[in-house]
Amino acid sequence: METIAKYKKQIITGVLLALLLFLLLKYIFPLVSPFILAYLTVYSVYPLLYRMEQKWKIKKPITMFLVLGILVVILFAILWIIAWISGGSVEDALPLILEWKDRLVAFINPEMINKILPDVIKNSFSYLQKVLPVLVYIGIYLIATILMAKDFDALMTKVHSIGALDGFMNIMNEIIHTVGKFLKAQLILILLIMGVCVGGFYLIGISSPILLGFLAGIMDALPFIGTSIILIPTAIILFLENKIWQGVVCLIIYVICVAIREFMEPKLIGKELDVFPVVMLISIFAGAKLFGLSGIIKGPLAVVLYKNVWGMLNKVDKPEKNDL
């Protein structure tokens, strides 16, 4: 009976914890996510902020602003390099855009403009309603990051002075390290698959091999999609064009990518997170069903939270024995 009571307590605790995490991710997380992201950003670069303030007397908010600016520049530079390598550039696109603009102006008459304009305005408002929340989210994140960098030391001192918050922050820091390991493993897998796809596309003479390889790597990181969305249609098109050997090579590339994901992922992710790969797959699938696209992140995050909180509860239930 004691054993049954023990397992009954564990089951009830586990169900309640899962329900609490669901409510947290469903209703609370969207409200605080920009601030959590701001904390993660400041926490990640805090050694740099501290060093710059101590050595060069540069205030933390200024350094944080410069770091964010550099990250934005790097992001745009990467996108521009990908577009340039893929065969397109702004200089090449501008004449085509101007040509189509002239054709459109010559084709459209005032009567057509009067008919089309209301729909255009209506659609513009619709697009604005979708884009505006994203812009607001980014703005709040940037402002929160600068403000948190300014008062980070005082905030952490206040948090550590409150026992409950201190325990919560310890869990958060553990989650940060765990998520970092997860992202590192995913990045390694993405780069490996990108390299295989780019090399394979060069071999069979596909146009824009770097762009297609980049897209294949990104798609492979998404659950239930993978490189098949790029490689399978490409192979079919090659077969229809009677390019048999190129199509066969494309299928071989797909098999290699699947093998890399299947054999490397358990070693990289399972070892780092100490979680079975099938559990991560279940978490991604369940997260996508419960939360939509954001569930791709929320599902694994829920597993990490559950694992850490469960471990903490077990430590509370089973205090260390005193040898004395």
C-alpha atoms as a PDB file:
ATOM      1  CA  MET A   1       0.000   0.000   0.000  1.00  0.00           C
ATOM      2  CA  GLU A   2       2.860   2.356   0.747  1.00  0.00           C
ATOM      3  CA  THR A   3       4.294   1.718  -2.727  1.00  0.00           C
ATOM      4  CA  ILE A   4       0.918   2.425  -4.351  1.00  0.00           C
ATOM      5  CA  ALA A   5       0.535   5.615  -2.325  1.00  0.00           C
ATOM      6  CA  LYS A   6       4.056   6.666  -3.307  1.00  0.00           C
ATOM      7  CA  TYR A   7       3.446   6.204  -7.041  1.00  0.00           C
ATOM      8  CA  LYS A   8       0.030   7.810  -6.737  1.00  0.00           C
ATOM      9  CA  LYS A   9       1.639  10.893  -5.261  1.00  0.00           C
ATOM     10  CA  GLN A  10       4.254  10.978  -8.056  1.00  0.00           C
ATOM     11  CA  ILE A  11       1.576  10.654 -10.746  1.00  0.00           C
ATOM     12  CA  ILE A  12      -0.535  13.423  -9.256  1.00  0.00           C
ATOM     13  CA  THR A  13       2.540  15.648  -8.887  1.00  0.00           C
ATOM     14  CA  GLY A  14       3.610  14.928 -12.451  1.00  0.00           C
ATOM     15  CA  VAL A  15       0.161  15.666 -13.901  1.00  0.00           C
ATOM     16  CA  LEU A  16      -0.182  18.883 -11.923  1.00  0.00           C
ATOM     17  CA  LEU A  17       3.296  19.980 -12.995  1.00  0.00           C
ATOM     18  CA  ALA A  18       2.480  19.247 -16.656  1.00  0.00           C
ATOM     19  CA  LEU A  19      -0.790  21.201 -16.353  1.00  0.00           C
ATOM     20  CA  LEU A  20       1.000  24.120 -14.707  1.00  0.00           C
ATOM     21  CA  LEU A  21       3.622  24.202 -17.478  1.00  0.00           C
ATOM     22  CA  PHE A  22       0.888  24.122 -20.135  1.00  0.00           C
ATOM     23  CA  LEU A  23      -0.900  27.091 -18.563  1.00  0.00           C
ATOM     24  CA  LEU A  24       2.427  28.894 -18.159  1.00  0.00           C
ATOM     25  CA  LEU A  25       3.438  28.444 -21.793  1.00  0.00           C
ATOM     26  CA  LYS A  26      -0.071  29.047 -23.130  1.00  0.00           C
ATOM     27  CA  TYR A  27      -1.033  32.200 -21.244  1.00  0.00           C
ATOM     28  CA  ILE A  28       1.912  33.610 -19.272  1.00  0.00           C
ATOM     29  CA  PHE A  29       4.835  33.044 -21.628  1.00  0.00           C
ATOM     30  CA  PRO A  30       3.428  35.245 -24.476  1.00  0.00           C
ATOM     31  CA  LEU A  31       3.134  38.126 -21.985  1.00  0.00           C
ATOM     32  CA  VAL A  32       6.688  37.905 -20.664  1.00  0.00           C
ATOM     33  CA  SER A  33       8.595  36.384 -23.611  1.00  0.00           C
ATOM     34  CA  PRO A  34      10.187  39.679 -24.818  1.00  0.00           C
ATOM     35  CA  PHE A  35      11.475  40.316 -21.285  1.00  0.00           C
ATOM     36  CA  ILE A  36      12.777  36.748 -20.926  1.00  0.00           C
ATOM     37  CA  LEU A  37      14.514  37.146 -24.267  1.00  0.00           C
ATOM     38  CA  ALA A  38      15.964  40.456 -23.076  1.00  0.00           C
ATOM     39  CA  TYR A  39      17.258  38.787 -19.907  1.00  0.00           C
ATOM     40  CA  LEU A  40      18.844  35.970 -21.940  1.00  0.00           C
ATOM     41  CA  THR A  41      20.530  38.527 -24.191  1.00  0.00           C
ATOM     42  CA  VAL A  42      21.942  40.587 -21.316  1.00  0.00           C
ATOM     43  CA  TYR A  43      22.964  37.463 -19.385  1.00  0.00           C
ATOM     44  CA  SER A  44      24.818  36.121 -22.446  1.00  0.00           C
ATOM     45  CA  VAL A  45      26.874  39.271 -23.045  1.00  0.00           C
ATOM     46  CA  TYR A  46      27.180  40.433 -19.416  1.00  0.00           C
ATOM     47  CA  PRO A  47      30.930  39.583 -19.160  1.00  0.00           C
ATOM     48  CA  LEU A  48      31.524  41.936 -22.104  1.00  0.00           C
ATOM     49  CA  LEU A  49      29.322  44.652 -20.569  1.00  0.00           C
ATOM     50  CA  TYR A  50      31.167  44.392 -17.249  1.00  0.00           C
ATOM     51  CA  ARG A  51      34.610  44.401 -18.867  1.00  0.00           C
ATOM     52  CA  MET A  52      33.845  47.440 -21.039  1.00  0.00           C
ATOM     53  CA  GLU A  53      32.552  49.387 -18.048  1.00  0.00           C
ATOM     54  CA  GLN A  54      35.492  48.494 -15.827  1.00  0.00           C
ATOM     55  CA  LYS A  55      38.272  48.939 -18.388  1.00  0.00           C
ATOM     56  CA  TRP A  56      36.971  51.633 -20.747  1.00  0.00           C
ATOM     57  CA  LYS A  57      34.367  53.339 -18.506  1.00  0.00           C
ATOM     58  CA  ILE A  58      31.663  52.701 -21.113  1.00  0.00           C
ATOM     59  CA  LYS A  59      28.232  52.377 -19.527  1.00  0.00           C
ATOM     60  CA  LYS A  60      26.489  49.021 -19.904  1.00  0.00           C
ATOM     61  CA  PRO A  61      23.465  50.413 -21.836  1.00  0.00           C
ATOM     62  CA  ILE A  62      25.783  51.990 -24.415  1.00  0.00           C
ATOM     63  CA  THR A  63      27.714  48.754 -24.879  1.00  0.00           C
ATOM     64  CA  MET A  64      24.437  46.823 -25.122  1.00  0.00           C
ATOM     65  CA  PHE A  65      23.161  49.250 -27.758  1.00  0.00           C
ATOM     66  CA  LEU A  66      26.359  48.795 -29.764  1.00  0.00           C
ATOM     67  CA  VAL A  67      26.124  44.990 -29.482  1.00  0.00           C
ATOM     68  CA  LEU A  68      22.536  45.005 -30.742  1.00  0.00           C
ATOM     69  CA  GLY A  69      23.525  47.298 -33.603  1.00  0.00           C
ATOM     70  CA  ILE A  70      26.398  45.008 -34.573  1.00  0.00           C
ATOM     71  CA  LEU A  71      24.083  41.970 -34.498  1.00  0.00           C
ATOM     72  CA  VAL A  72      21.600  43.718 -36.791  1.00  0.00           C
ATOM     73  CA  VAL A  73      24.386  44.673 -39.201  1.00  0.00           C
ATOM     74  CA  ILE A  74      25.719  41.090 -39.181  1.00  0.00           C
ATOM     75  CA  LEU A  75      22.226  39.725 -39.873  1.00  0.00           C
ATOM     76  CA  PHE A  76      21.695  42.022 -42.854  1.00  0.00           C
ATOM     77  CA  ALA A  77      25.227  41.274 -44.082  1.00  0.00           C
ATOM     78  CA  ILE A  78      24.553  37.524 -43.991  1.00  0.00           C
ATOM     79  CA  LEU A  79      21.292  37.946 -45.898  1.00  0.00           C
ATOM     80  CA  TRP A  80      23.005  40.159 -48.479  1.00  0.00           C
ATOM     81  CA  ILE A  81      25.888  37.705 -48.908  1.00  0.00           C
ATOM     82  CA  ILE A  82      23.454  34.822 -49.417  1.00  0.00           C
ATOM     83  CA  ALA A  83      21.544  36.831 -52.035  1.00  0.00           C
ATOM     84  CA  TRP A  84      24.777  37.904 -53.748  1.00  0.00           C
ATOM     85  CA  ILE A  85      26.261  34.398 -53.831  1.00  0.00           C
ATOM     86  CA  SER A  86      22.969  33.011 -55.103  1.00  0.00           C
ATOM     87  CA  GLY A  87      23.248  35.142 -58.214  1.00  0.00           C
ATOM     88  CA  GLY A  88      21.103  38.101 -57.259  1.00  0.00           C
ATOM     89  CA  SER A  89      21.986  41.552 -56.021  1.00  0.00           C
ATOM     90  CA  VAL A  90      20.257  44.826 -55.391  1.00  0.00           C
ATOM     91  CA  GLU A  91      21.932  46.389 -58.436  1.00  0.00           C
ATOM     92  CA  ASP A  92      20.600  43.645 -60.717  1.00  0.00           C
ATOM     93  CA  ALA A  93      17.125  43.806 -59.238  1.00  0.00           C
ATOM     94  CA  LEU A  94      16.648  47.589 -59.440  1.00  0.00           C
ATOM     95  CA  PRO A  95      16.435  47.905 -63.264  1.00  0.00           C
ATOM     96  CA  LEU A  96      13.876  45.096 -63.379  1.00  0.00           C
ATOM     97  CA  ILE A  97      11.809  46.717 -60.623  1.00  0.00           C
ATOM     98  CA  LEU A  98      11.893  50.098 -62.385  1.00  0.00           C
ATOM     99  CA  GLU A  99      10.919  48.490 -65.696  1.00  0.00           C
ATOM    100  CA  TRP A 100       7.881  46.795 -64.185  1.00  0.00           C
ATOM    101  CA  LYS A 101       6.949  50.007 -62.398  1.00  0.00           C
ATOM    102  CA  ASP A 102       6.909  51.898 -65.722  1.00  0.00           C
ATOM    103  CA  ARG A 103       4.831  49.177 -67.362  1.00  0.00           C
ATOM    104  CA  LEU A 104       2.349  49.226 -64.500  1.00  0.00           C
ATOM    105  CA  VAL A 105       1.962  53.001 -64.613  1.00  0.00           C
ATOM    106  CA  ALA A 106       1.453  52.923 -68.400  1.00  0.00           C
ATOM    107  CA  PHE A 107      -1.070  50.091 -68.160  1.00  0.00           C
ATOM    108  CA  ILE A 108      -3.230  51.369 -65.328  1.00  0.00           C
ATOM    109  CA  ASN A 109      -5.659  54.188 -66.091  1.00  0.00           C
ATOM    110  CA  PRO A 110      -7.461  56.437 -63.560  1.00  0.00           C
ATOM    111  CA  GLU A 111     -10.676  54.389 -63.700  1.00  0.00           C
ATOM    112  CA  MET A 112      -8.821  51.200 -62.801  1.00  0.00           C
ATOM    113  CA  ILE A 113      -7.038  52.986 -59.964  1.00  0.00           C
ATOM    114  CA  ASN A 114     -10.401  54.127 -58.542  1.00  0.00           C
ATOM    115  CA  LYS A 115     -11.644  50.526 -58.626  1.00  0.00           C
ATOM    116  CA  ILE A 116      -8.495  48.913 -57.239  1.00  0.00           C
ATOM    117  CA  LEU A 117      -7.548  51.522 -54.606  1.00  0.00           C
ATOM    118  CA  PRO A 118     -10.194  50.561 -51.975  1.00  0.00           C
ATOM    119  CA  ASP A 119      -9.091  46.899 -52.076  1.00  0.00           C
ATOM    120  CA  VAL A 120      -5.444  47.912 -51.890  1.00  0.00           C
ATOM    121  CA  ILE A 121      -6.110  50.102 -48.838  1.00  0.00           C
ATOM    122  CA  LYS A 122      -8.144  47.320 -47.219  1.00  0.00           C
ATOM    123  CA  ASN A 123      -5.394  44.765 -47.806  1.00  0.00           C
ATOM    124  CA  SER A 124      -2.774  47.236 -46.586  1.00  0.00           C
ATOM    125  CA  PHE A 125      -4.605  47.598 -43.273  1.00  0.00           C
ATOM    126  CA  SER A 126      -4.848  43.805 -43.044  1.00  0.00           C
ATOM    127  CA  TYR A 127      -1.098  43.419 -43.579  1.00  0.00           C
ATOM    128  CA  LEU A 128      -0.412  46.244 -41.133  1.00  0.00           C
ATOM    129  CA  GLN A 129      -2.460  44.485 -38.446  1.00  0.00           C
ATOM    130  CA  LYS A 130      -0.268  41.401 -38.881  1.00  0.00           C
ATOM    131  CA  VAL A 131       3.053  43.231 -39.050  1.00  0.00           C
ATOM    132  CA  LEU A 132       2.423  45.785 -36.292  1.00  0.00           C
ATOM    133  CA  PRO A 133       2.406  43.268 -33.375  1.00  0.00           C
ATOM    134  CA  VAL A 134       5.746  41.907 -34.586  1.00  0.00           C
ATOM    135  CA  LEU A 135       7.236  45.411 -34.733  1.00  0.00           C
ATOM    136  CA  VAL A 136       5.856  46.211 -31.273  1.00  0.00           C
ATOM    137  CA  TYR A 137       7.324  42.956 -29.911  1.00  0.00           C
ATOM    138  CA  ILE A 138      10.750  43.759 -31.373  1.00  0.00           C
ATOM    139  CA  GLY A 139      10.574  47.329 -30.036  1.00  0.00           C
ATOM    140  CA  ILE A 140       9.688  46.161 -26.514  1.00  0.00           C
ATOM    141  CA  TYR A 141      12.474  43.570 -26.618  1.00  0.00           C
ATOM    142  CA  LEU A 142      15.077  46.158 -27.659  1.00  0.00           C
ATOM    143  CA  ILE A 143      13.962  48.700 -25.041  1.00  0.00           C
ATOM    144  CA  ALA A 144      13.809  46.013 -22.332  1.00  0.00           C
ATOM    145  CA  THR A 145      17.305  44.844 -23.246  1.00  0.00           C
ATOM    146  CA  ILE A 146      18.785  48.330 -22.893  1.00  0.00           C
ATOM    147  CA  LEU A 147      16.959  49.015 -19.608  1.00  0.00           C
ATOM    148  CA  MET A 148      17.866  45.601 -18.185  1.00  0.00           C
ATOM    149  CA  ALA A 149      21.519  46.121 -19.082  1.00  0.00           C
ATOM    150  CA  LYS A 150      21.447  49.419 -17.180  1.00  0.00           C
ATOM    151  CA  ASP A 151      20.033  47.937 -13.943  1.00  0.00           C
ATOM    152  CA  PHE A 152      21.181  44.320 -14.282  1.00  0.00           C
ATOM    153  CA  ASP A 153      23.382  44.303 -11.166  1.00  0.00           C
ATOM    154  CA  ALA A 154      20.682  45.866  -8.973  1.00  0.00           C
ATOM    155  CA  LEU A 155      18.027  43.536 -10.375  1.00  0.00           C
ATOM    156  CA  MET A 156      20.106  40.414  -9.686  1.00  0.00           C
ATOM    157  CA  THR A 157      20.908  41.630  -6.167  1.00  0.00           C
ATOM    158  CA  LYS A 158      17.197  42.126  -5.501  1.00  0.00           C
ATOM    159  CA  VAL A 159      16.330  38.719  -6.946  1.00  0.00           C
ATOM    160  CA  HIS A 160      18.964  36.909  -4.885  1.00  0.00           C
ATOM    161  CA  SER A 161      17.668  38.584  -1.728  1.00  0.00           C
ATOM    162  CA  ILE A 162      14.291  36.860  -2.221  1.00  0.00           C
ATOM    163  CA  GLY A 163      14.548  33.132  -1.605  1.00  0.00           C
ATOM    164  CA  ALA A 164      11.769  32.012  -3.971  1.00  0.00           C
ATOM    165  CA  LEU A 165      13.007  34.191  -6.814  1.00  0.00           C
ATOM    166  CA  ASP A 166      16.572  33.058  -6.228  1.00  0.00           C
ATOM    167  CA  GLY A 167      15.507  29.424  -6.651  1.00  0.00           C
ATOM    168  CA  PHE A 168      13.554  30.361  -9.772  1.00  0.00           C
ATOM    169  CA  MET A 169      16.578  32.130 -11.261  1.00  0.00           C
ATOM    170  CA  ASN A 170      18.748  29.077 -10.567  1.00  0.00           C
ATOM    171  CA  ILE A 171      16.303  27.020 -12.602  1.00  0.00           C
ATOM    172  CA  MET A 172      16.335  29.687 -15.326  1.00  0.00           C
ATOM    173  CA  ASN A 173      20.136  29.648 -15.508  1.00  0.00           C
ATOM    174  CA  GLU A 174      20.115  25.859 -15.752  1.00  0.00           C
ATOM    175  CA  ILE A 175      17.572  26.086 -18.552  1.00  0.00           C
ATOM    176  CA  ILE A 176      19.711  28.685 -20.337  1.00  0.00           C
ATOM    177  CA  HIS A 177      22.699  26.334 -20.337  1.00  0.00           C
ATOM    178  CA  THR A 178      20.523  23.420 -21.455  1.00  0.00           C
ATOM    179  CA  VAL A 179      18.898  25.388 -24.280  1.00  0.00           C
ATOM    180  CA  GLY A 180      22.343  26.627 -25.315  1.00  0.00           C
ATOM    181  CA  LYS A 181      23.545  23.039 -25.639  1.00  0.00           C
ATOM    182  CA  PHE A 182      20.422  22.158 -27.632  1.00  0.00           C
ATOM    183  CA  LEU A 183      20.912  25.070 -30.037  1.00  0.00           C
ATOM    184  CA  LYS A 184      24.603  24.244 -30.411  1.00  0.00           C
ATOM    185  CA  ALA A 185      23.759  20.659 -31.373  1.00  0.00           C
ATOM    186  CA  GLN A 186      21.104  21.843 -33.844  1.00  0.00           C
ATOM    187  CA  LEU A 187      23.522  24.338 -35.394  1.00  0.00           C
ATOM    188  CA  ILE A 188      26.108  21.607 -35.958  1.00  0.00           C
ATOM    189  CA  LEU A 189      23.480  19.422 -37.645  1.00  0.00           C
ATOM    190  CA  ILE A 190      22.235  22.291 -39.825  1.00  0.00           C
ATOM    191  CA  LEU A 191      25.764  23.196 -40.959  1.00  0.00           C
ATOM    192  CA  LEU A 192      26.558  19.557 -41.780  1.00  0.00           C
ATOM    193  CA  ILE A 193      23.394  19.175 -43.845  1.00  0.00           C
ATOM    194  CA  MET A 194      23.923  22.534 -45.553  1.00  0.00           C
ATOM    195  CA  GLY A 195      27.450  21.462 -46.520  1.00  0.00           C
ATOM    196  CA  VAL A 196      26.241  18.140 -47.963  1.00  0.00           C
ATOM    197  CA  CYS A 197      23.427  19.826 -49.934  1.00  0.00           C
ATOM    198  CA  VAL A 198      25.587  22.651 -51.299  1.00  0.00           C
ATOM    199  CA  GLY A 199      28.309  20.206 -52.374  1.00  0.00           C
ATOM    200  CA  GLY A 200      25.762  17.880 -53.960  1.00  0.00           C
ATOM    201  CA  PHE A 201      23.999  20.709 -55.825  1.00  0.00           C
ATOM    202  CA  TYR A 202      27.352  21.938 -57.167  1.00  0.00           C
ATOM    203  CA  LEU A 203      28.140  18.391 -58.324  1.00  0.00           C
ATOM    204  CA  ILE A 204      24.953  18.005 -60.374  1.00  0.00           C
ATOM    205  CA  GLY A 205      25.039  21.568 -61.696  1.00  0.00           C
ATOM    206  CA  ILE A 206      21.952  22.998 -59.988  1.00  0.00           C
ATOM    207  CA  SER A 207      21.631  26.770 -60.273  1.00  0.00           C
ATOM    208  CA  SER A 208      21.922  28.736 -57.008  1.00  0.00           C
ATOM    209  CA  PRO A 209      23.369  25.767 -55.070  1.00  0.00           C
ATOM    210  CA  ILE A 210      24.253  27.851 -51.997  1.00  0.00           C
ATOM    211  CA  LEU A 211      20.755  29.295 -51.666  1.00  0.00           C
ATOM    212  CA  LEU A 212      19.104  25.888 -52.109  1.00  0.00           C
ATOM    213  CA  GLY A 213      21.583  24.278 -49.705  1.00  0.00           C
ATOM    214  CA  PHE A 214      20.899  27.014 -47.148  1.00  0.00           C
ATOM    215  CA  LEU A 215      17.141  26.508 -47.477  1.00  0.00           C
ATOM    216  CA  ALA A 216      17.528  22.725 -47.213  1.00  0.00           C
ATOM    217  CA  GLY A 217      19.484  23.097 -43.973  1.00  0.00           C
ATOM    218  CA  ILE A 218      16.891  25.447 -42.492  1.00  0.00           C
ATOM    219  CA  MET A 219      14.012  23.189 -43.556  1.00  0.00           C
ATOM    220  CA  ASP A 220      15.752  20.200 -42.007  1.00  0.00           C
ATOM    221  CA  ALA A 221      15.659  21.927 -38.617  1.00  0.00           C
ATOM    222  CA  LEU A 222      11.842  22.138 -38.817  1.00  0.00           C
ATOM    223  CA  PRO A 223       9.934  19.072 -37.617  1.00  0.00           C
ATOM    224  CA  PHE A 224       7.811  17.047 -40.068  1.00  0.00           C
ATOM    225  CA  ILE A 225       9.307  18.985 -43.018  1.00  0.00           C
ATOM    226  CA  GLY A 226      13.015  18.274 -43.417  1.00  0.00           C
ATOM    227  CA  THR A 227      15.154  18.412 -46.537  1.00  0.00           C
ATOM    228  CA  SER A 228      12.561  16.405 -48.465  1.00  0.00           C
ATOM    229  CA  ILE A 229      10.647  19.592 -49.269  1.00  0.00           C
ATOM    230  CA  ILE A 230      13.694  20.764 -51.277  1.00  0.00           C
ATOM    231  CA  LEU A 231      15.387  17.570 -52.455  1.00  0.00           C
ATOM    232  CA  ILE A 232      12.427  15.377 -53.473  1.00  0.00           C
ATOM    233  CA  PRO A 233      10.787  17.958 -55.812  1.00  0.00           C
ATOM    234  CA  THR A 234      14.236  18.757 -57.256  1.00  0.00           C
ATOM    235  CA  ALA A 235      14.848  15.046 -57.970  1.00  0.00           C
ATOM    236  CA  ILE A 236      11.407  14.691 -59.614  1.00  0.00           C
ATOM    237  CA  ILE A 237      12.051  17.710 -61.849  1.00  0.00           C
ATOM    238  CA  LEU A 238      15.445  16.295 -62.869  1.00  0.00           C
ATOM    239  CA  PHE A 239      13.873  12.926 -63.755  1.00  0.00           C
ATOM    240  CA  LEU A 240      11.161  14.658 -65.817  1.00  0.00           C
ATOM    241  CA  GLU A 241      13.904  16.566 -67.676  1.00  0.00           C
ATOM    242  CA  ASN A 242      15.583  13.196 -68.415  1.00  0.00           C
ATOM    243  CA  LYS A 243      18.559  14.081 -66.192  1.00  0.00           C
ATOM    244  CA  ILE A 244      18.645  10.629 -64.651  1.00  0.00           C
ATOM    245  CA  TRP A 245      22.030  10.606 -62.949  1.00  0.00           C
ATOM    246  CA  GLN A 246      21.487  14.061 -61.473  1.00  0.00           C
ATOM    247  CA  GLY A 247      18.134  12.928 -60.059  1.00  0.00           C
ATOM    248  CA  VAL A 248      19.727   9.809 -58.577  1.00  0.00           C
ATOM    249  CA  VAL A 249      22.457  11.916 -56.955  1.00  0.00           C
ATOM    250  CA  CYS A 250      19.777  14.227 -55.535  1.00  0.00           C
ATOM    251  CA  LEU A 251      18.051  11.234 -53.925  1.00  0.00           C
ATOM    252  CA  ILE A 252      21.395  10.039 -52.552  1.00  0.00           C
ATOM    253  CA  ILE A 253      21.906  13.489 -51.030  1.00  0.00           C
ATOM    254  CA  TYR A 254      18.500  13.161 -49.375  1.00  0.00           C
ATOM    255  CA  VAL A 255      19.391   9.744 -47.917  1.00  0.00           C
ATOM    256  CA  ILE A 256      22.697  11.138 -46.585  1.00  0.00           C
ATOM    257  CA  CYS A 257      20.886  14.079 -44.944  1.00  0.00           C
ATOM    258  CA  VAL A 258      18.365  11.746 -43.296  1.00  0.00           C
ATOM    259  CA  ALA A 259      21.220   9.517 -42.083  1.00  0.00           C
ATOM    260  CA  ILE A 260      23.069  12.501 -40.606  1.00  0.00           C
ATOM    261  CA  ARG A 261      19.940  13.621 -38.760  1.00  0.00           C
ATOM    262  CA  GLU A 262      19.075  10.108 -37.530  1.00  0.00           C
ATOM    263  CA  PHE A 263      22.553   9.042 -36.386  1.00  0.00           C
ATOM    264  CA  MET A 264      24.057  12.344 -35.241  1.00  0.00           C
ATOM    265  CA  GLU A 265      21.032  13.857 -33.470  1.00  0.00           C
ATOM    266  CA  PRO A 266      20.820  11.220 -30.694  1.00  0.00           C
ATOM    267  CA  LYS A 267      24.526  11.622 -29.973  1.00  0.00           C
ATOM    268  CA  LEU A 268      24.541  15.420 -30.028  1.00  0.00           C
ATOM    269  CA  ILE A 269      21.179  16.300 -28.475  1.00  0.00           C
ATOM    270  CA  GLY A 270      20.440  13.242 -26.346  1.00  0.00           C
ATOM    271  CA  LYS A 271      23.880  13.349 -24.756  1.00  0.00           C
ATOM    272  CA  GLU A 272      23.781  17.089 -24.101  1.00  0.00           C
ATOM    273  CA  LEU A 273      20.261  17.195 -22.650  1.00  0.00           C
ATOM    274  CA  ASP A 274      20.204  13.729 -21.101  1.00  0.00           C
ATOM    275  CA  VAL A 275      16.805  13.220 -22.786  1.00  0.00           C
ATOM    276  CA  PHE A 276      15.845  10.428 -25.175  1.00  0.00           C
ATOM    277  CA  PRO A 277      15.527  11.689 -28.787  1.00  0.00           C
ATOM    278  CA  VAL A 278      12.049  10.142 -29.047  1.00  0.00           C
ATOM    279  CA  VAL A 279      10.979  12.292 -26.077  1.00  0.00           C
ATOM    280  CA  MET A 280      12.199  15.401 -27.902  1.00  0.00           C
ATOM    281  CA  LEU A 281      10.293  14.308 -31.021  1.00  0.00           C
ATOM    282  CA  ILE A 282       7.113  13.808 -28.970  1.00  0.00           C
ATOM    283  CA  SER A 283       7.594  17.229 -27.360  1.00  0.00           C
ATOM    284  CA  ILE A 284       7.956  18.938 -30.748  1.00  0.00           C
ATOM    285  CA  PHE A 285       4.902  17.149 -32.178  1.00  0.00           C
ATOM    286  CA  ALA A 286       2.765  17.827 -29.093  1.00  0.00           C
ATOM    287  CA  GLY A 287       4.009  21.426 -28.920  1.00  0.00           C
ATOM    288  CA  ALA A 288       3.059  22.054 -32.556  1.00  0.00           C
ATOM    289  CA  LYS A 289      -0.406  20.581 -31.945  1.00  0.00           C
ATOM    290  CA  LEU A 290      -1.012  22.571 -28.764  1.00  0.00           C
ATOM    291  CA  PHE A 291       0.644  25.904 -29.574  1.00  0.00           C
ATOM    292  CA  GLY A 292       0.960  25.990 -33.371  1.00  0.00           C
ATOM    293  CA  LEU A 293       4.240  27.010 -34.998  1.00  0.00           C
ATOM    294  CA  SER A 294       5.633  28.392 -31.727  1.00  0.00           C
ATOM    295  CA  GLY A 295       5.237  24.903 -30.262  1.00  0.00           C
ATOM    296  CA  ILE A 296       8.397  23.883 -32.134  1.00  0.00           C
ATOM    297  CA  ILE A 297      10.218  25.874 -29.448  1.00  0.00           C
ATOM    298  CA  LYS A 298       7.707  25.594 -26.604  1.00  0.00           C
ATOM    299  CA  GLY A 299       7.570  21.789 -26.746  1.00  0.00           C
ATOM    300  CA  PRO A 300      11.287  21.168 -26.069  1.00  0.00           C
ATOM    301  CA  LEU A 301      11.252  24.102 -23.629  1.00  0.00           C
ATOM    302  CA  ALA A 302       8.468  22.382 -21.684  1.00  0.00           C
ATOM    303  CA  VAL A 303      10.557  19.192 -21.494  1.00  0.00           C
ATOM    304  CA  VAL A 304      13.561  21.125 -20.167  1.00  0.00           C
ATOM    305  CA  LEU A 305      11.380  22.948 -17.620  1.00  0.00           C
ATOM    306  CA  TYR A 306       9.677  19.735 -16.549  1.00  0.00           C
ATOM    307  CA  LYS A 307      12.991  17.918 -16.145  1.00  0.00           C
ATOM    308  CA  ASN A 308      14.552  20.678 -14.038  1.00  0.00           C
ATOM    309  CA  VAL A 309      11.499  21.338 -11.840  1.00  0.00           C
ATOM    310  CA  TRP A 310      10.917  17.604 -11.316  1.00  0.00           C
ATOM    311  CA  GLY A 311      14.530  17.188 -10.243  1.00  0.00           C
ATOM    312  CA  MET A 312      14.180  20.086  -7.814  1.00  0.00           C
ATOM    313  CA  LEU A 313      10.984  18.605  -6.333  1.00  0.00           C
ATOM    314  CA  ASN A 314      12.677  15.244  -5.848  1.00  0.00           C
ATOM    315  CA  LYS A 315      15.518  16.940  -3.986  1.00  0.00           C
ATOM    316  CA  VAL A 316      12.980  18.601  -1.724  1.00  0.00           C
ATOM    317  CA  ASP A 317      11.167  15.303  -1.130  1.00  0.00           C
ATOM    318  CA  LYS A 318      14.439  13.446  -0.513  1.00  0.00           C
ATOM    319  CA  PRO A 319      16.752  15.682   1.522  1.00  0.00           C
ATOM    320  CA  GLU A 320      20.329  14.594   1.872  1.00  0.00           C
ATOM    321  CA  LYS A 321      21.032  12.485   4.995  1.00  0.00           C
ATOM    322  CA  ASN A 322      23.136  13.996   7.708  1.00  0.00           C
ATOM    323  CA  ASP A 323      26.048  11.745   8.563  1.00  0.00           C
ATOM    324  CA  LEU A 324      26.067  13.158  12.062  1.00  0.00           C
END
